[in-house]
N, C-alpha and C. Protein backbone atom coordinates (compact mmCIF):
# COMPACT_ATOMS: atom_id res chain seq x y z
N MET A 1 11.60 -7.70 -1.25
CA MET A 1 12.10 -7.93 -2.58
C MET A 1 13.62 -8.06 -2.58
N ILE A 2 14.28 -7.32 -1.73
CA ILE A 2 15.74 -7.36 -1.71
C ILE A 2 16.26 -8.77 -1.40
N ASN A 3 15.52 -9.53 -0.62
CA ASN A 3 15.95 -10.89 -0.29
C ASN A 3 15.90 -11.81 -1.50
N ILE A 4 15.06 -11.51 -2.45
CA ILE A 4 14.90 -12.35 -3.63
C ILE A 4 15.85 -11.95 -4.74
N THR A 5 15.90 -10.65 -5.04
CA THR A 5 16.67 -10.16 -6.19
C THR A 5 18.03 -9.60 -5.83
N GLY A 6 18.23 -9.25 -4.58
CA GLY A 6 19.47 -8.61 -4.18
C GLY A 6 19.45 -7.10 -4.42
N ALA A 7 18.34 -6.59 -4.93
CA ALA A 7 18.21 -5.15 -5.21
C ALA A 7 16.98 -4.61 -4.51
N ARG A 8 17.08 -3.37 -4.05
CA ARG A 8 15.94 -2.72 -3.40
C ARG A 8 15.21 -1.90 -4.45
N THR A 9 13.90 -1.97 -4.46
CA THR A 9 13.12 -1.15 -5.38
C THR A 9 13.05 0.27 -4.83
N THR A 10 12.86 1.23 -5.73
CA THR A 10 12.81 2.63 -5.30
C THR A 10 11.45 3.26 -5.53
N PHE A 11 10.61 2.61 -6.34
CA PHE A 11 9.30 3.16 -6.66
C PHE A 11 8.20 2.33 -6.04
N PHE A 12 7.09 3.00 -5.72
CA PHE A 12 5.92 2.33 -5.16
C PHE A 12 4.72 2.76 -5.98
N ARG A 13 4.08 1.80 -6.64
CA ARG A 13 2.88 2.10 -7.42
C ARG A 13 1.68 1.53 -6.69
N LEU A 14 0.69 2.35 -6.50
CA LEU A 14 -0.49 1.97 -5.74
C LEU A 14 -1.38 1.03 -6.55
N ILE A 15 -1.83 -0.02 -5.93
CA ILE A 15 -2.71 -0.99 -6.58
C ILE A 15 -4.06 -0.33 -6.84
N GLY A 16 -4.49 -0.37 -8.07
CA GLY A 16 -5.79 0.20 -8.43
C GLY A 16 -5.83 1.71 -8.44
N GLY A 17 -4.70 2.37 -8.17
CA GLY A 17 -4.67 3.82 -8.15
C GLY A 17 -5.34 4.43 -6.94
N ASN A 18 -5.70 3.62 -5.96
CA ASN A 18 -6.37 4.12 -4.75
C ASN A 18 -5.33 4.46 -3.70
N TYR A 19 -5.50 5.63 -3.08
CA TYR A 19 -4.53 6.05 -2.08
C TYR A 19 -5.18 6.96 -1.04
N ASN A 20 -4.46 7.13 0.05
CA ASN A 20 -4.83 8.11 1.07
C ASN A 20 -3.54 8.62 1.69
N ASP A 21 -3.63 9.60 2.59
CA ASP A 21 -2.44 10.20 3.18
C ASP A 21 -1.58 9.18 3.93
N GLN A 22 -2.22 8.25 4.61
CA GLN A 22 -1.47 7.26 5.38
C GLN A 22 -0.62 6.37 4.46
N ILE A 23 -1.19 5.94 3.35
CA ILE A 23 -0.44 5.10 2.41
C ILE A 23 0.74 5.86 1.83
N ILE A 24 0.49 7.09 1.38
CA ILE A 24 1.56 7.91 0.79
C ILE A 24 2.66 8.17 1.82
N ASN A 25 2.28 8.60 3.00
CA ASN A 25 3.27 8.92 4.04
C ASN A 25 4.07 7.70 4.46
N THR A 26 3.44 6.55 4.53
CA THR A 26 4.14 5.32 4.89
C THR A 26 5.16 4.95 3.83
N ALA A 27 4.76 4.99 2.57
CA ALA A 27 5.67 4.65 1.48
C ALA A 27 6.86 5.61 1.44
N VAL A 28 6.59 6.89 1.54
CA VAL A 28 7.67 7.89 1.52
C VAL A 28 8.57 7.71 2.74
N GLY A 29 7.98 7.43 3.88
CA GLY A 29 8.75 7.20 5.09
C GLY A 29 9.68 5.99 5.00
N GLU A 30 9.31 5.05 4.15
CA GLU A 30 10.14 3.86 3.92
C GLU A 30 11.16 4.07 2.80
N GLY A 31 11.19 5.28 2.25
CA GLY A 31 12.20 5.61 1.24
C GLY A 31 11.77 5.40 -0.20
N TYR A 32 10.48 5.17 -0.43
CA TYR A 32 10.00 4.96 -1.79
C TYR A 32 9.57 6.26 -2.44
N ARG A 33 9.65 6.32 -3.75
CA ARG A 33 9.05 7.40 -4.54
C ARG A 33 7.73 6.86 -5.05
N VAL A 34 6.66 7.57 -4.79
CA VAL A 34 5.32 7.09 -5.12
C VAL A 34 4.96 7.48 -6.55
N ILE A 35 4.47 6.51 -7.32
CA ILE A 35 4.02 6.73 -8.69
C ILE A 35 2.51 6.78 -8.67
N MET A 36 1.95 7.90 -9.09
CA MET A 36 0.51 8.07 -9.13
C MET A 36 -0.02 7.73 -10.52
N TRP A 37 -1.22 7.18 -10.57
CA TRP A 37 -1.87 6.88 -11.84
C TRP A 37 -3.35 6.76 -11.60
N SER A 38 -4.10 6.70 -12.67
CA SER A 38 -5.55 6.63 -12.55
C SER A 38 -6.13 5.79 -13.67
N TRP A 39 -7.17 5.05 -13.36
CA TRP A 39 -7.89 4.28 -14.39
C TRP A 39 -8.53 5.22 -15.40
N ARG A 40 -8.88 6.42 -14.96
CA ARG A 40 -9.63 7.35 -15.82
C ARG A 40 -8.73 8.16 -16.75
N GLN A 41 -7.45 8.09 -16.58
CA GLN A 41 -6.54 8.88 -17.40
C GLN A 41 -5.73 7.95 -18.27
N ASP A 42 -5.95 8.02 -19.55
CA ASP A 42 -5.21 7.20 -20.51
C ASP A 42 -4.67 8.12 -21.60
N THR A 43 -3.36 8.22 -21.70
CA THR A 43 -2.76 9.09 -22.71
C THR A 43 -2.89 8.51 -24.11
N GLU A 44 -3.28 7.25 -24.20
CA GLU A 44 -3.44 6.53 -25.46
C GLU A 44 -2.16 6.54 -26.28
N ASP A 45 -1.01 6.63 -25.61
CA ASP A 45 0.25 6.61 -26.33
C ASP A 45 0.58 5.23 -26.90
N TRP A 46 -0.25 4.26 -26.56
CA TRP A 46 -0.09 2.91 -27.07
C TRP A 46 -0.76 2.73 -28.42
N LYS A 47 -1.65 3.64 -28.80
CA LYS A 47 -2.39 3.51 -30.05
C LYS A 47 -1.47 3.72 -31.25
N GLY A 48 -1.69 2.96 -32.27
CA GLY A 48 -0.95 3.12 -33.51
C GLY A 48 0.43 2.50 -33.51
N ILE A 49 0.76 1.76 -32.44
CA ILE A 49 2.06 1.11 -32.37
C ILE A 49 1.86 -0.37 -32.67
N SER A 50 2.57 -0.85 -33.69
CA SER A 50 2.44 -2.26 -34.06
C SER A 50 3.40 -3.11 -33.25
N ALA A 51 3.24 -4.42 -33.35
CA ALA A 51 4.12 -5.35 -32.64
C ALA A 51 5.55 -5.28 -33.17
N ARG A 52 5.70 -4.84 -34.41
CA ARG A 52 7.05 -4.73 -34.99
C ARG A 52 7.77 -3.61 -34.33
């Protein structure tokens, strides 16, 4: 990404929320902060917010 934008990203979000120790350790070893998430967890903080 740095070659395209000139900036290095600092966060790594797992595709589909699937992970294992090797993926986490590799990302951290490369200097990324890993963002965890899950399909099953929805805070629903988007509800009740209009386009305005």
